[in-house]
Amino acid sequence: MVKEKFSVATIVNSDGCFDLQFRKDTRHKRTNSPTYYRWKAQFVVTAPKENERILNKIKKELCCGEVSISKGQARFSVQKISDVAKIVVPFFKKNALARDKKRDFEMWAKAVEIIQKNKGKYLAAWQKSDLHSLIEIQKACCKYKARPRKSKWLDMAKSFSKSAGTPVKLD
C-alpha cells in the first residue's frame, strides 16, 4: 500500500473554512457589561474526532493555532489575527487551493489585510472604505460556502460604516 503524501491544501480544499464575521461581544464580568463589536477572521479545519492527529499535523506544519474536540468533532483553528496574517495567508499564497476554495481564500485574505491594518483601533476610527469592503467581502464569500450563515450583526456593521470617523455610543 502506497502512503499518500500529507498535504494541508488538499485537506483544506475539502474540510477547511476561511471565516469572516462581524461579532458582538458583551463583557459580563465588567461594570455595566459593556458591548463591543468587531470584525474577526479565522481559519478553521474540522474532522471527526478520530482524525484529530491530522489536525495536529496541520498545527505542527503551520506552527500556530489550536486543536479542540467537542461533540464528537475535532477542530483546528487559527484565530489570532497576527498569526492569520503572517502565517496562514502566506502559506496559502504558496500552496495553491482548488477553484472555489481559492476564490474564497483570495477575498478572505483581502479582509485579513484590512483587519490587520486596523488592529487596535476602535471601529468608529476605521475608514469607511475599509468597513464597506469587509461587508462586501463577507457577502461575496457566501457563494463559496457549503452552508452559508446569515450574519447576525451585519446591520450594525453597516451602521458603523455610515458613521466611521465619528464617535458611536454602544448599548
Protein backbone atom coordinates (compact mmCIF):
# COMPACT_ATOMS: atom_id res chain seq x y z
CA MET A 1 0.00 0.00 0.00
CA VAL A 2 1.39 3.40 -1.03
CA LYS A 3 1.32 6.05 1.67
CA GLU A 4 -0.23 9.27 0.36
CA LYS A 5 1.79 12.44 0.95
CA PHE A 6 0.28 14.73 3.60
CA SER A 7 -0.98 17.98 2.08
CA VAL A 8 -2.57 20.76 4.11
CA ALA A 9 -4.00 22.35 0.95
CA THR A 10 -5.72 19.10 -0.08
CA ILE A 11 -7.33 18.76 3.35
CA VAL A 12 -8.38 22.41 3.37
CA ASN A 13 -9.97 22.09 -0.07
CA SER A 14 -12.47 19.64 1.40
CA ASP A 15 -12.67 20.41 5.14
CA GLY A 16 -11.31 23.93 5.61
CA CYS A 17 -13.06 27.24 6.10
CA PHE A 18 -11.87 30.80 5.75
CA ASP A 19 -14.28 32.51 8.13
CA LEU A 20 -15.06 36.22 8.25
CA GLN A 21 -17.61 37.52 10.72
CA PHE A 22 -18.79 40.66 12.41
CA ARG A 23 -19.23 39.88 16.11
CA LYS A 24 -20.91 41.36 19.13
CA ASP A 25 -19.18 40.62 22.44
CA THR A 26 -20.56 41.60 25.82
CA ARG A 27 -18.18 41.71 28.77
CA HIS A 28 -20.48 40.49 31.55
CA LYS A 29 -17.71 40.48 34.17
CA ARG A 30 -17.12 44.22 33.73
CA THR A 31 -19.14 47.01 35.31
CA ASN A 32 -22.24 47.84 33.23
CA SER A 33 -21.45 44.87 30.91
CA PRO A 34 -20.06 46.92 28.00
CA THR A 35 -20.69 45.69 24.45
CA TYR A 36 -18.01 45.58 21.77
CA TYR A 37 -18.38 44.97 18.06
CA ARG A 38 -15.51 43.71 15.97
CA TRP A 39 -14.52 42.04 12.73
CA LYS A 40 -12.98 38.61 13.14
CA ALA A 41 -11.16 36.45 10.59
CA GLN A 42 -10.29 32.88 11.44
CA PHE A 43 -9.04 29.80 9.64
CA VAL A 44 -10.76 26.53 10.59
CA VAL A 45 -10.46 22.86 9.62
CA THR A 46 -12.86 20.28 11.04
CA ALA A 47 -12.80 16.49 11.10
CA PRO A 48 -14.32 13.59 13.01
CA LYS A 49 -12.60 13.28 16.40
CA GLU A 50 -10.94 10.04 15.19
CA ASN A 51 -8.92 12.21 12.77
CA GLU A 52 -7.56 14.56 15.43
CA ARG A 53 -4.00 13.53 14.56
CA ILE A 54 -4.42 15.04 11.06
CA LEU A 55 -5.40 18.36 12.60
CA ASN A 56 -2.39 18.17 14.90
CA LYS A 57 -0.20 17.65 11.80
CA ILE A 58 -1.69 20.83 10.32
CA LYS A 59 -0.98 22.68 13.58
CA LYS A 60 2.60 21.41 13.54
CA GLU A 61 3.12 22.42 9.90
CA LEU A 62 1.71 25.92 10.39
CA CYS A 63 3.26 26.40 13.87
CA CYS A 64 0.16 28.15 15.19
CA GLY A 65 -3.47 27.57 16.10
CA GLU A 66 -5.29 25.24 18.46
CA VAL A 67 -6.92 21.81 18.19
CA SER A 68 -10.02 21.09 20.25
CA ILE A 69 -12.65 18.37 20.45
CA SER A 70 -16.33 18.95 21.10
CA LYS A 71 -19.40 16.82 20.45
CA GLY A 72 -17.52 14.17 18.50
CA GLN A 73 -15.79 16.66 16.21
CA ALA A 74 -12.17 17.77 16.15
CA ARG A 75 -11.48 21.37 15.20
CA PHE A 76 -8.28 23.16 14.29
CA SER A 77 -8.49 26.94 14.30
CA VAL A 78 -6.22 29.94 13.99
CA GLN A 79 -7.90 32.99 15.49
CA LYS A 80 -5.09 35.41 16.35
CA ILE A 81 -5.17 37.98 13.57
CA SER A 82 -1.37 38.32 13.59
CA ASP A 83 -0.98 34.53 13.04
CA VAL A 84 -3.67 34.59 10.37
CA ALA A 85 -1.97 37.48 8.55
CA LYS A 86 1.66 36.42 8.95
CA ILE A 87 1.38 32.62 8.76
CA VAL A 88 -1.90 31.37 7.26
CA VAL A 89 -2.25 33.86 4.39
CA PRO A 90 1.37 33.47 3.15
CA PHE A 91 1.08 29.67 3.47
CA PHE A 92 -1.92 29.50 1.14
CA LYS A 93 -0.43 32.02 -1.27
CA LYS A 94 2.43 29.50 -1.72
CA ASN A 95 0.29 26.34 -1.55
CA ALA A 96 -2.45 26.59 -4.14
CA LEU A 97 -6.04 25.75 -3.35
CA ALA A 98 -8.67 24.49 -5.80
CA ARG A 99 -11.26 26.63 -7.62
CA ASP A 100 -13.93 27.94 -5.26
CA LYS A 101 -11.76 27.49 -2.18
CA LYS A 102 -9.07 29.57 -3.90
CA ARG A 103 -11.54 32.37 -4.73
CA ASP A 104 -12.90 32.29 -1.18
CA PHE A 105 -9.35 32.45 0.21
CA GLU A 106 -8.36 35.38 -2.03
CA MET A 107 -11.28 37.51 -0.83
CA TRP A 108 -10.74 36.43 2.78
CA ALA A 109 -7.04 37.37 2.52
CA LYS A 110 -8.08 40.91 1.50
CA ALA A 111 -10.32 41.07 4.56
CA VAL A 112 -7.47 39.85 6.78
CA GLU A 113 -5.27 42.63 5.42
CA ILE A 114 -7.90 45.25 6.31
CA ILE A 115 -8.45 43.83 9.80
CA GLN A 116 -4.68 43.60 10.45
CA LYS A 117 -4.19 47.19 9.25
CA ASN A 118 -6.83 48.41 11.72
CA LYS A 119 -5.78 46.19 14.62
CA GLY A 120 -6.12 48.04 17.93
CA LYS A 121 -8.38 50.78 16.55
CA TYR A 122 -11.97 51.32 17.59
CA LEU A 123 -14.39 50.60 14.73
CA ALA A 124 -15.51 54.23 14.79
CA ALA A 125 -11.94 55.24 13.83
CA TRP A 126 -11.75 52.92 10.79
CA GLN A 127 -12.03 54.38 7.31
CA LYS A 128 -15.50 53.98 5.80
CA SER A 129 -13.99 52.33 2.75
CA ASP A 130 -12.44 49.57 4.90
CA LEU A 131 -15.75 48.84 6.61
CA HIS A 132 -17.62 48.82 3.29
CA SER A 133 -15.01 46.50 1.82
CA LEU A 134 -15.39 43.99 4.66
CA ILE A 135 -19.18 44.00 4.30
CA GLU A 136 -18.91 43.38 0.56
CA ILE A 137 -16.27 40.67 1.01
CA GLN A 138 -18.44 38.89 3.58
CA LYS A 139 -21.43 38.96 1.21
CA ALA A 140 -19.34 37.78 -1.76
CA CYS A 141 -17.76 34.90 0.20
CA CYS A 142 -21.19 33.41 0.97
CA LYS A 143 -21.45 31.94 -2.52
CA TYR A 144 -18.36 29.81 -1.83
CA LYS A 145 -19.63 28.37 1.45
CA ALA A 146 -21.27 24.95 1.63
CA ARG A 147 -23.60 26.16 4.40
CA PRO A 148 -23.57 29.97 4.48
CA ARG A 149 -24.94 31.52 7.64
CA LYS A 150 -26.78 34.81 7.82
CA SER A 151 -24.67 37.37 9.63
CA LYS A 152 -26.45 38.39 12.84
CA TRP A 153 -24.83 41.77 13.21
CA LEU A 154 -24.39 42.91 9.60
CA ASP A 155 -26.88 45.78 10.03
CA MET A 156 -24.76 47.00 12.96
CA ALA A 157 -21.65 46.75 10.77
CA LYS A 158 -23.40 48.85 8.14
CA SER A 159 -24.24 51.50 10.75
CA PHE A 160 -20.54 51.68 11.69
CA SER A 161 -19.60 52.14 8.04
CA LYS A 162 -22.02 55.09 7.80
CA SER A 163 -20.67 56.73 10.94
CA ALA A 164 -16.97 55.84 10.66
CA GLY A 165 -14.79 58.62 11.98
CA THR A 166 -17.44 59.85 14.44
CA PRO A 167 -17.98 58.54 17.96
CA VAL A 168 -20.66 55.86 18.26
CA LYS A 169 -22.42 55.02 21.51
CA LEU A 170 -22.79 51.27 22.05
CA ASP A 171 -25.73 49.88 24.08
